[in-house]
Amino acid sequence: MEYSNILNQYAPAMSAEQVAEVVAQAKAAAAKNENVEVYKFCLSAIDLTTLTCNDSVESVTEFANKTVTFGEAYPDVPNVASICVYPAFVETVGLAIDGTPMRITSVGGGFPASQTFLEVKMLEVAMAVENGADEVDIVLNVGKMLTGAYDEAANEVEMIRSEMDSDIVLKVILETGALKSPELIRKASLISMAAGADFIKTSTGKIDVAATPEAAVVMCQAIKDYYDKTGVKVGFKAAGGVKTPQDAALYYTIVEQILGEQWLTTDLFRIGASSAANNLLSAIVGKSVAHF
């Protein structure tokens, strides 16, 4: 499909100055969302993540078990949305959380660089789903985006989407720190949604520049414009560098201001994080805790 033609149906991106103005407004408004109820929601929106070279069956099992025991330790606080791991550990998580409503997120498609054969990306995603992944996070081909090969980048997403049933959630990571400009982030957002993304996500967390409020503003505006034109709701996920309750509240505020309260559900808003979970929990209970 010629996805680049779809871009002609949308207005250009905001300028960097316009984006900065929206970010400033969101930062000013975020103070009202720095409260326990918002923190509880943000905790419930977290994809609790372990993506390190020293992950093992033992460490991932222990990691997953912390979500299983969370309800007993904190019965008045909502649990995280999912556990996010490499594909090889999807089955490990499944065994650990069996019998719970917890969802399993797998990165895939050559994460984090997306620099492998398309056939390998498709097979890896298919295997992750076969092993029990409910959600899959892939990386848009940044190299193709930077060189203007938008159709090729989007067609990869379309082909990977074809490897999973419609009930599997596909999140497409734009790696906005590499795309940099509002215009390129907007194009990546629009073609990813058109190609079948259920969520668009800021970052892998594996390069120097991860999630930024500026990228979030551009992405959320693209989601709004896409919804206005198609009627399809696509979710937003902030990931990489989201650490403090204040960080979480700011992204919550950006979504609230641009997309509205209907996007403030875990079906349409996620945070990819590890340390943020304990920091949010500490803010909720009023003392320093480290459950996760």
Protein backbone atom coordinates (compact mmCIF):
# COMPACT_ATOMS: atom_id res chain seq x y z
CA MET A 1 0.00 0.00 0.00
CA GLU A 2 1.19 3.54 -0.74
CA TYR A 3 1.01 4.98 2.74
CA SER A 4 2.84 8.17 1.80
CA ASN A 5 -0.31 9.27 -0.06
CA ILE A 6 -2.21 9.16 3.23
CA LEU A 7 0.06 11.86 4.61
CA ASN A 8 -1.31 14.28 2.01
CA GLN A 9 -4.72 14.04 3.71
CA TYR A 10 -3.42 15.67 6.87
CA ALA A 11 -2.15 19.13 7.74
CA PRO A 12 1.58 19.56 8.42
CA ALA A 13 2.95 19.23 11.94
CA MET A 14 3.00 22.08 14.39
CA SER A 15 6.20 24.08 14.43
CA ALA A 16 8.71 23.50 17.22
CA GLU A 17 7.62 26.82 18.71
CA GLN A 18 3.95 25.81 18.70
CA VAL A 19 4.83 22.47 20.28
CA ALA A 20 6.83 24.26 23.00
CA GLU A 21 3.83 26.45 23.75
CA VAL A 22 1.53 23.43 24.20
CA VAL A 23 4.11 21.73 26.42
CA ALA A 24 4.35 24.85 28.57
CA GLN A 25 0.58 24.89 28.97
CA ALA A 26 0.58 21.22 29.93
CA LYS A 27 3.33 21.73 32.50
CA ALA A 28 1.35 24.56 34.05
CA ALA A 29 -1.78 22.43 34.20
CA ALA A 30 -0.05 19.27 35.44
CA ALA A 31 0.09 20.45 39.07
CA LYS A 32 -3.61 19.70 39.52
CA ASN A 33 -2.94 16.10 38.45
CA GLU A 34 -0.16 15.53 40.93
CA ASN A 35 -2.47 13.71 43.34
CA VAL A 36 -3.11 10.20 44.63
CA GLU A 37 -6.01 9.39 42.30
CA VAL A 38 -4.05 10.27 39.18
CA TYR A 39 -1.02 8.41 40.52
CA LYS A 40 -3.19 5.33 41.06
CA PHE A 41 -4.39 5.50 37.48
CA CYS A 42 -0.87 6.00 36.16
CA LEU A 43 0.32 2.96 38.12
CA SER A 44 -2.51 0.91 36.61
CA ALA A 45 -1.37 2.05 33.14
CA ILE A 46 2.22 0.83 33.52
CA ASP A 47 3.70 -1.91 31.38
CA LEU A 48 6.17 -3.09 34.01
CA THR A 49 9.33 -3.65 32.04
CA THR A 50 12.50 -5.71 32.25
CA LEU A 51 14.56 -5.64 29.07
CA THR A 52 18.18 -6.23 30.03
CA CYS A 53 20.94 -8.50 28.79
CA ASN A 54 21.05 -10.27 32.14
CA ASP A 55 17.37 -11.29 32.21
CA SER A 56 16.98 -15.00 32.95
CA VAL A 57 14.16 -17.44 33.62
CA GLU A 58 14.87 -17.04 37.32
CA SER A 59 15.01 -13.23 37.35
CA VAL A 60 11.94 -12.81 35.12
CA THR A 61 9.96 -15.28 37.25
CA GLU A 62 10.85 -13.31 40.37
CA PHE A 63 9.97 -10.07 38.56
CA ALA A 64 6.56 -11.40 37.50
CA ASN A 65 5.83 -12.82 40.95
CA LYS A 66 5.95 -9.31 42.37
CA THR A 67 2.85 -8.41 40.38
CA VAL A 68 1.09 -11.58 41.56
CA THR A 69 1.63 -10.68 45.23
CA PHE A 70 0.86 -7.00 44.73
CA GLY A 71 -2.89 -7.31 45.35
CA GLU A 72 -2.38 -8.93 48.73
CA ALA A 73 0.16 -6.33 49.81
CA TYR A 74 -1.79 -3.32 48.49
CA PRO A 75 -5.46 -4.27 48.14
CA ASP A 76 -6.60 -0.66 47.68
CA VAL A 77 -4.16 0.14 44.87
CA PRO A 78 -4.68 -1.03 41.26
CA ASN A 79 -2.06 -3.35 39.81
CA VAL A 80 0.05 -2.59 36.75
CA ALA A 81 -1.43 -3.20 33.28
CA SER A 82 1.08 -5.73 32.01
CA ILE A 83 4.56 -7.19 32.26
CA CYS A 84 6.84 -6.37 29.31
CA VAL A 85 9.68 -8.76 28.44
CA TYR A 86 11.76 -10.08 25.58
CA PRO A 87 10.01 -12.76 23.45
CA ALA A 88 12.00 -15.62 24.95
CA PHE A 89 10.44 -14.90 28.36
CA VAL A 90 6.77 -14.69 27.36
CA GLU A 91 6.12 -18.27 28.40
CA THR A 92 8.04 -17.72 31.66
CA VAL A 93 5.76 -14.81 32.55
CA GLY A 94 2.71 -16.80 31.53
CA LEU A 95 3.58 -19.57 33.97
CA ALA A 96 4.23 -17.09 36.78
CA ILE A 97 0.99 -15.13 36.40
CA ASP A 98 -1.32 -18.00 35.44
CA GLY A 99 -4.79 -17.47 36.87
CA THR A 100 -4.45 -13.68 37.14
CA PRO A 101 -5.87 -10.98 34.83
CA MET A 102 -2.35 -9.67 34.15
CA ARG A 103 -1.49 -9.13 30.50
CA ILE A 104 1.79 -10.10 28.85
CA THR A 105 3.59 -7.65 26.59
CA SER A 106 6.45 -8.82 24.40
CA VAL A 107 8.82 -6.60 22.49
CA GLY A 108 9.49 -8.01 19.04
CA GLY A 109 10.37 -7.39 15.44
CA GLY A 110 14.09 -7.03 16.05
CA PHE A 111 13.74 -4.79 19.11
CA PRO A 112 15.34 -2.35 19.82
CA ALA A 113 16.97 -1.45 16.48
CA SER A 114 14.52 -3.13 14.07
CA GLN A 115 17.52 -3.88 11.85
CA THR A 116 16.92 -7.42 10.69
CA PHE A 117 15.10 -9.21 7.90
CA LEU A 118 11.35 -8.60 7.68
CA GLU A 119 10.80 -12.35 7.66
CA VAL A 120 12.69 -12.62 10.96
CA LYS A 121 10.61 -9.81 12.46
CA MET A 122 7.39 -11.53 11.40
CA LEU A 123 8.48 -14.90 12.73
CA GLU A 124 9.62 -13.47 16.05
CA VAL A 125 6.29 -11.73 16.56
CA ALA A 126 4.33 -14.83 15.55
CA MET A 127 6.31 -16.93 18.03
CA ALA A 128 5.77 -14.40 20.83
CA VAL A 129 2.02 -14.51 20.22
CA GLU A 130 2.03 -18.31 20.00
CA ASN A 131 3.81 -18.43 23.36
CA GLY A 132 1.12 -16.28 24.97
CA ALA A 133 1.81 -12.59 24.34
CA ASP A 134 -1.33 -10.46 24.59
CA GLU A 135 0.43 -7.34 23.33
CA VAL A 136 3.47 -6.80 21.11
CA ASP A 137 5.69 -3.70 20.95
CA ILE A 138 7.68 -3.33 17.73
CA VAL A 139 9.97 -0.57 16.46
CA LEU A 140 9.18 1.36 13.29
CA ASN A 141 12.12 1.17 10.89
CA VAL A 142 13.82 4.46 11.77
CA GLY A 143 16.38 4.21 8.97
CA LYS A 144 13.62 4.04 6.38
CA MET A 145 11.82 6.99 7.96
CA LEU A 146 14.95 9.12 7.97
CA THR A 147 15.55 8.44 4.27
CA GLY A 148 11.96 9.09 3.21
CA ALA A 149 11.04 5.46 2.53
CA TYR A 150 7.71 5.87 4.31
CA ASP A 151 5.85 3.24 2.31
CA GLU A 152 8.48 0.62 3.11
CA ALA A 153 8.42 1.45 6.81
CA ALA A 154 4.64 1.30 6.97
CA ASN A 155 4.40 -1.88 4.92
CA GLU A 156 6.67 -3.59 7.44
CA VAL A 157 4.17 -2.68 10.16
CA GLU A 158 1.32 -3.98 8.01
CA MET A 159 3.09 -7.28 7.40
CA ILE A 160 3.90 -7.75 11.09
CA ARG A 161 0.30 -6.89 12.00
CA SER A 162 -0.78 -9.74 9.72
CA GLU A 163 1.03 -12.22 11.98
CA MET A 164 -1.39 -11.66 14.86
CA ASP A 165 -5.12 -11.89 15.45
CA SER A 166 -7.13 -8.72 15.87
CA ASP A 167 -7.38 -9.20 19.63
CA ILE A 168 -3.60 -8.88 20.02
CA VAL A 169 -2.60 -5.30 20.78
CA LEU A 170 0.14 -3.93 18.51
CA LYS A 171 2.17 -1.00 19.80
CA VAL A 172 4.51 0.69 17.32
CA ILE A 173 7.55 2.44 18.81
CA LEU A 174 8.55 5.52 16.82
CA GLU A 175 11.91 6.12 18.54
CA THR A 176 11.14 9.82 18.53
CA GLY A 177 14.57 10.75 19.88
CA ALA A 178 16.03 9.61 16.56
CA LEU A 179 13.32 11.15 14.37
CA LYS A 180 13.72 14.49 16.21
CA SER A 181 11.57 16.88 14.15
CA PRO A 182 7.84 17.39 14.77
CA GLU A 183 7.17 16.81 11.06
CA LEU A 184 8.90 13.41 10.97
CA ILE A 185 7.35 12.32 14.28
CA ARG A 186 3.93 13.26 12.91
CA LYS A 187 4.51 11.33 9.68
CA ALA A 188 5.69 8.28 11.62
CA SER A 189 2.62 8.50 13.85
CA LEU A 190 0.16 8.74 10.97
CA ILE A 191 1.60 5.95 8.82
CA SER A 192 1.94 3.64 11.80
CA MET A 193 -1.72 4.12 12.68
CA ALA A 194 -2.79 3.64 9.08
CA ALA A 195 -0.74 0.42 8.91
CA GLY A 196 -2.51 -1.13 11.88
CA ALA A 197 -0.99 0.16 15.14
CA ASP A 198 -3.33 -0.03 18.14
CA PHE A 199 -0.91 2.21 20.07
CA ILE A 200 1.93 4.47 19.09
CA LYS A 201 4.78 4.60 21.58
CA THR A 202 7.52 7.16 22.05
CA SER A 203 10.71 5.22 22.61
CA THR A 204 12.59 2.01 23.26
CA GLY A 205 14.51 3.52 26.15
CA LYS A 206 17.67 2.22 24.50
CA ILE A 207 19.01 5.48 22.99
CA ASP A 208 20.06 8.71 24.66
CA VAL A 209 16.85 10.66 23.99
CA ALA A 210 13.77 8.76 25.13
CA ALA A 211 10.26 10.04 25.83
CA THR A 212 9.86 13.82 25.81
CA PRO A 213 6.76 15.96 26.38
CA GLU A 214 7.38 17.55 22.97
CA ALA A 215 7.17 14.21 21.17
CA ALA A 216 4.08 13.30 23.20
CA VAL A 217 2.32 16.48 22.08
CA VAL A 218 3.02 15.79 18.40
CA MET A 219 1.95 12.15 18.72
CA CYS A 220 -1.25 12.92 20.62
CA GLN A 221 -2.20 15.58 18.09
CA ALA A 222 -1.67 13.03 15.30
CA ILE A 223 -3.86 10.53 17.19
CA LYS A 224 -6.59 13.17 17.49
CA ASP A 225 -6.40 14.08 13.81
CA TYR A 226 -6.44 10.41 12.80
CA TYR A 227 -9.49 9.79 14.99
CA ASP A 228 -11.28 12.84 13.59
CA LYS A 229 -10.75 11.54 10.04
CA THR A 230 -11.25 7.78 10.55
CA GLY A 231 -13.19 7.31 13.78
CA VAL A 232 -10.48 4.89 14.96
CA LYS A 233 -9.10 5.37 18.46
CA VAL A 234 -5.39 4.65 18.75
CA GLY A 235 -3.64 4.63 22.12
CA PHE A 236 -0.58 6.54 23.30
CA LYS A 237 2.31 5.05 25.29
CA ALA A 238 5.11 7.05 26.88
CA ALA A 239 8.22 4.98 27.51
CA GLY A 240 11.85 5.60 28.29
CA GLY A 241 12.85 8.04 30.99
CA VAL A 242 9.45 8.17 32.71
CA LYS A 243 10.59 7.84 36.32
CA THR A 244 8.84 10.15 38.75
CA PRO A 245 5.17 10.62 39.67
CA GLN A 246 5.49 14.12 38.24
CA ASP A 247 6.70 12.69 34.91
CA ALA A 248 3.67 10.40 34.79
CA ALA A 249 1.29 13.23 35.71
CA LEU A 250 2.69 15.40 32.91
CA TYR A 251 2.05 12.75 30.24
CA TYR A 252 -1.39 12.15 31.75
CA THR A 253 -2.05 15.90 31.42
CA ILE A 254 -0.89 16.02 27.79
CA VAL A 255 -3.28 13.19 26.92
CA GLU A 256 -6.07 14.83 28.91
CA GLN A 257 -5.64 18.21 27.22
CA ILE A 258 -5.25 17.02 23.62
CA LEU A 259 -7.30 13.82 23.49
CA GLY A 260 -9.69 14.24 26.39
CA GLU A 261 -10.85 12.06 29.25
CA GLN A 262 -12.06 9.28 26.93
CA TRP A 263 -8.38 8.45 26.32
CA LEU A 264 -7.64 8.18 30.04
CA THR A 265 -8.17 4.43 30.23
CA THR A 266 -5.60 1.67 30.19
CA ASP A 267 -6.99 0.61 26.81
CA LEU A 268 -5.70 3.87 25.32
CA PHE A 269 -2.96 5.14 27.63
CA ARG A 270 0.12 3.29 28.85
CA ILE A 271 3.44 4.06 30.47
CA GLY A 272 6.44 1.84 29.84
CA ALA A 273 8.52 1.88 33.00
CA SER A 274 10.30 0.02 35.75
CA SER A 275 11.41 2.48 38.45
CA ALA A 276 8.29 4.63 37.98
CA ALA A 277 6.14 1.86 39.47
CA ASN A 278 7.84 2.00 42.86
CA ASN A 279 7.97 5.79 42.78
CA LEU A 280 4.25 6.06 42.05
CA LEU A 281 3.46 3.48 44.72
CA SER A 282 5.54 5.42 47.24
CA ALA A 283 3.65 8.62 46.42
CA ILE A 284 0.33 6.78 46.79
CA VAL A 285 1.04 5.22 50.19
CA GLY A 286 2.97 8.20 51.51
CA LYS A 287 6.25 6.48 52.28
CA SER A 288 9.19 5.01 50.40
CA VAL A 289 8.45 1.45 49.27
CA ALA A 290 10.05 -0.88 46.74
CA HIS A 291 7.58 -3.65 46.00
CA PHE A 292 8.49 -4.06 42.32
